[in-house]
Amino acid sequence: MACYTVYKNKIKDNIQKLKQSFMAKNLDFELFYSVKTNFSKPVLSAVNGSGCRFEILSDFETLESQ
């Protein structure tokens, strides 16, 4: 079985850097995370706490189905 290490602070930092790069250009934007990309609870928890929104296209991707 595979074992993955999730660095929640690194995820949050990367999201903040991305948001700051858009803000530095005075761009009007909304940042979304594709749940299909990685739907593990630790990753979703880090993204949720970063002010980023979720892109969910199917019932499989909803947080309730986790």
N, C-alpha and C. Protein backbone atom coordinates (compact mmCIF):
# COMPACT_ATOMS: atom_id res chain seq x y z
N MET A 1 0.84 -1.17 0.00
CA MET A 1 0.00 0.00 0.00
C MET A 1 0.89 1.24 0.00
N ALA A 2 0.52 2.22 -0.77
CA ALA A 2 1.28 3.47 -0.85
C ALA A 2 1.04 4.33 0.38
N CYS A 3 2.04 5.08 0.74
CA CYS A 3 1.95 6.01 1.87
C CYS A 3 2.39 7.38 1.38
N TYR A 4 1.59 8.40 1.63
CA TYR A 4 1.88 9.75 1.17
C TYR A 4 1.99 10.69 2.37
N THR A 5 2.91 11.62 2.28
CA THR A 5 3.05 12.66 3.29
C THR A 5 2.49 13.94 2.72
N VAL A 6 1.57 14.56 3.44
CA VAL A 6 0.94 15.80 3.01
C VAL A 6 1.43 16.92 3.91
N TYR A 7 2.03 17.93 3.31
CA TYR A 7 2.50 19.09 4.03
C TYR A 7 1.45 20.20 3.86
N LYS A 8 0.53 20.26 4.82
CA LYS A 8 -0.58 21.21 4.71
C LYS A 8 -0.09 22.65 4.63
N ASN A 9 0.92 22.99 5.40
CA ASN A 9 1.44 24.37 5.36
C ASN A 9 2.04 24.71 4.00
N LYS A 10 2.67 23.74 3.35
CA LYS A 10 3.24 23.97 2.02
C LYS A 10 2.12 24.20 1.00
N ILE A 11 1.06 23.44 1.11
CA ILE A 11 -0.10 23.63 0.22
C ILE A 11 -0.67 25.02 0.40
N LYS A 12 -0.88 25.42 1.66
CA LYS A 12 -1.43 26.74 1.94
C LYS A 12 -0.50 27.85 1.46
N ASP A 13 0.80 27.68 1.68
CA ASP A 13 1.78 28.67 1.22
C ASP A 13 1.76 28.81 -0.30
N ASN A 14 1.69 27.69 -1.00
CA ASN A 14 1.66 27.73 -2.46
C ASN A 14 0.40 28.42 -2.98
N ILE A 15 -0.71 28.18 -2.33
CA ILE A 15 -1.96 28.84 -2.73
C ILE A 15 -1.84 30.34 -2.50
N GLN A 16 -1.27 30.74 -1.36
CA GLN A 16 -1.11 32.16 -1.08
C GLN A 16 -0.18 32.83 -2.09
N LYS A 17 0.90 32.15 -2.46
CA LYS A 17 1.82 32.70 -3.47
C LYS A 17 1.12 32.88 -4.81
N LEU A 18 0.32 31.91 -5.20
CA LEU A 18 -0.42 32.00 -6.45
C LEU A 18 -1.41 33.17 -6.40
N LYS A 19 -2.14 33.28 -5.29
CA LYS A 19 -3.10 34.38 -5.15
C LYS A 19 -2.38 35.74 -5.18
N GLN A 20 -1.24 35.83 -4.52
CA GLN A 20 -0.48 37.09 -4.49
C GLN A 20 0.02 37.47 -5.87
N SER A 21 0.39 36.48 -6.68
CA SER A 21 0.87 36.79 -8.03
C SER A 21 -0.24 37.39 -8.89
N PHE A 22 -1.47 36.91 -8.74
CA PHE A 22 -2.60 37.50 -9.45
C PHE A 22 -2.92 38.89 -8.93
N MET A 23 -2.89 39.03 -7.60
CA MET A 23 -3.20 40.31 -6.98
C MET A 23 -2.15 41.37 -7.34
N ALA A 24 -0.90 40.97 -7.48
CA ALA A 24 0.17 41.91 -7.83
C ALA A 24 -0.05 42.51 -9.22
N LYS A 25 -0.75 41.79 -10.08
CA LYS A 25 -1.07 42.25 -11.43
C LYS A 25 -2.42 42.95 -11.48
N ASN A 26 -3.04 43.12 -10.31
CA ASN A 26 -4.37 43.74 -10.20
C ASN A 26 -5.42 43.03 -11.05
N LEU A 27 -5.33 41.71 -11.10
CA LEU A 27 -6.28 40.92 -11.87
C LEU A 27 -7.47 40.53 -11.00
N ASP A 28 -8.64 40.57 -11.58
CA ASP A 28 -9.86 40.11 -10.92
C ASP A 28 -9.94 38.61 -11.14
N PHE A 29 -9.90 37.82 -10.08
CA PHE A 29 -9.85 36.37 -10.24
C PHE A 29 -10.54 35.67 -9.08
N GLU A 30 -10.89 34.42 -9.30
CA GLU A 30 -11.33 33.51 -8.26
C GLU A 30 -10.50 32.25 -8.43
N LEU A 31 -9.95 31.75 -7.35
CA LEU A 31 -9.09 30.58 -7.39
C LEU A 31 -9.89 29.35 -6.96
N PHE A 32 -9.88 28.33 -7.81
CA PHE A 32 -10.59 27.08 -7.54
C PHE A 32 -9.61 25.92 -7.56
N TYR A 33 -9.83 24.95 -6.68
CA TYR A 33 -9.06 23.71 -6.65
C TYR A 33 -9.92 22.59 -7.24
N SER A 34 -9.37 21.87 -8.20
CA SER A 34 -10.08 20.76 -8.80
C SER A 34 -10.01 19.55 -7.86
N VAL A 35 -11.14 19.19 -7.28
CA VAL A 35 -11.19 18.09 -6.34
C VAL A 35 -10.77 16.78 -7.01
N LYS A 36 -11.05 16.66 -8.29
CA LYS A 36 -10.67 15.45 -9.02
C LYS A 36 -9.15 15.25 -9.04
N THR A 37 -8.39 16.34 -8.92
CA THR A 37 -6.93 16.26 -8.95
C THR A 37 -6.40 15.42 -7.80
N ASN A 38 -6.86 15.71 -6.60
CA ASN A 38 -6.45 14.96 -5.42
C ASN A 38 -7.53 15.15 -4.37
N PHE A 39 -8.27 14.11 -4.09
CA PHE A 39 -9.43 14.23 -3.20
C PHE A 39 -9.18 13.65 -1.81
N SER A 40 -7.91 13.57 -1.41
CA SER A 40 -7.64 13.07 -0.06
C SER A 40 -8.03 14.12 0.97
N LYS A 41 -8.52 13.66 2.11
CA LYS A 41 -9.02 14.58 3.14
C LYS A 41 -7.97 15.57 3.63
N PRO A 42 -6.71 15.17 3.86
CA PRO A 42 -5.73 16.15 4.31
C PRO A 42 -5.48 17.26 3.29
N VAL A 43 -5.46 16.92 2.03
CA VAL A 43 -5.26 17.93 0.98
C VAL A 43 -6.47 18.86 0.93
N LEU A 44 -7.66 18.29 0.92
CA LEU A 44 -8.88 19.11 0.87
C LEU A 44 -8.99 20.01 2.10
N SER A 45 -8.57 19.51 3.24
CA SER A 45 -8.59 20.31 4.46
C SER A 45 -7.66 21.51 4.34
N ALA A 46 -6.47 21.30 3.80
CA ALA A 46 -5.51 22.40 3.62
C ALA A 46 -6.04 23.42 2.62
N VAL A 47 -6.61 22.95 1.54
CA VAL A 47 -7.15 23.86 0.52
C VAL A 47 -8.33 24.64 1.10
N ASN A 48 -9.17 23.96 1.85
CA ASN A 48 -10.34 24.61 2.43
C ASN A 48 -9.95 25.74 3.37
N GLY A 49 -8.87 25.60 4.09
CA GLY A 49 -8.44 26.62 5.02
C GLY A 49 -7.65 27.75 4.38
N SER A 50 -7.52 27.74 3.07
CA SER A 50 -6.67 28.73 2.39
C SER A 50 -7.46 29.83 1.69
N GLY A 51 -8.77 29.76 1.75
CA GLY A 51 -9.58 30.75 1.05
C GLY A 51 -9.80 30.42 -0.41
N CYS A 52 -9.38 29.26 -0.82
CA CYS A 52 -9.58 28.79 -2.19
C CYS A 52 -10.93 28.08 -2.25
N ARG A 53 -11.58 28.16 -3.39
CA ARG A 53 -12.87 27.47 -3.57
C ARG A 53 -12.63 26.15 -4.28
N PHE A 54 -13.66 25.30 -4.31
CA PHE A 54 -13.55 23.98 -4.93
C PHE A 54 -14.30 23.91 -6.25
N GLU A 55 -13.71 23.21 -7.19
CA GLU A 55 -14.39 22.89 -8.45
C GLU A 55 -14.82 21.43 -8.33
N ILE A 56 -16.13 21.21 -8.33
CA ILE A 56 -16.69 19.87 -8.17
C ILE A 56 -17.64 19.61 -9.33
N LEU A 57 -17.38 18.53 -10.05
CA LEU A 57 -18.18 18.25 -11.23
C LEU A 57 -19.09 17.03 -11.10
N SER A 58 -18.90 16.24 -10.06
CA SER A 58 -19.73 15.05 -9.92
C SER A 58 -19.97 14.75 -8.44
N ASP A 59 -20.95 13.91 -8.16
CA ASP A 59 -21.23 13.52 -6.78
C ASP A 59 -20.03 12.84 -6.14
N PHE A 60 -19.24 12.14 -6.93
CA PHE A 60 -18.05 11.45 -6.43
C PHE A 60 -17.09 12.43 -5.76
N GLU A 61 -17.06 13.67 -6.23
CA GLU A 61 -16.10 14.65 -5.76
C GLU A 61 -16.56 15.47 -4.58
N THR A 62 -17.78 15.28 -4.12
CA THR A 62 -18.26 16.10 -3.02
C THR A 62 -17.61 15.69 -1.72
N LEU A 63 -17.45 16.63 -0.82
CA LEU A 63 -16.81 16.36 0.47
C LEU A 63 -17.62 15.35 1.28
N GLU A 64 -18.95 15.34 1.10
CA GLU A 64 -19.79 14.43 1.86
C GLU A 64 -19.54 12.97 1.48
N SER A 65 -19.08 12.74 0.26
CA SER A 65 -18.88 11.34 -0.17
C SER A 65 -17.55 10.80 0.30
N GLN A 66 -16.74 11.61 0.95
CA GLN A 66 -15.42 11.16 1.42
C GLN A 66 -15.55 10.32 2.67
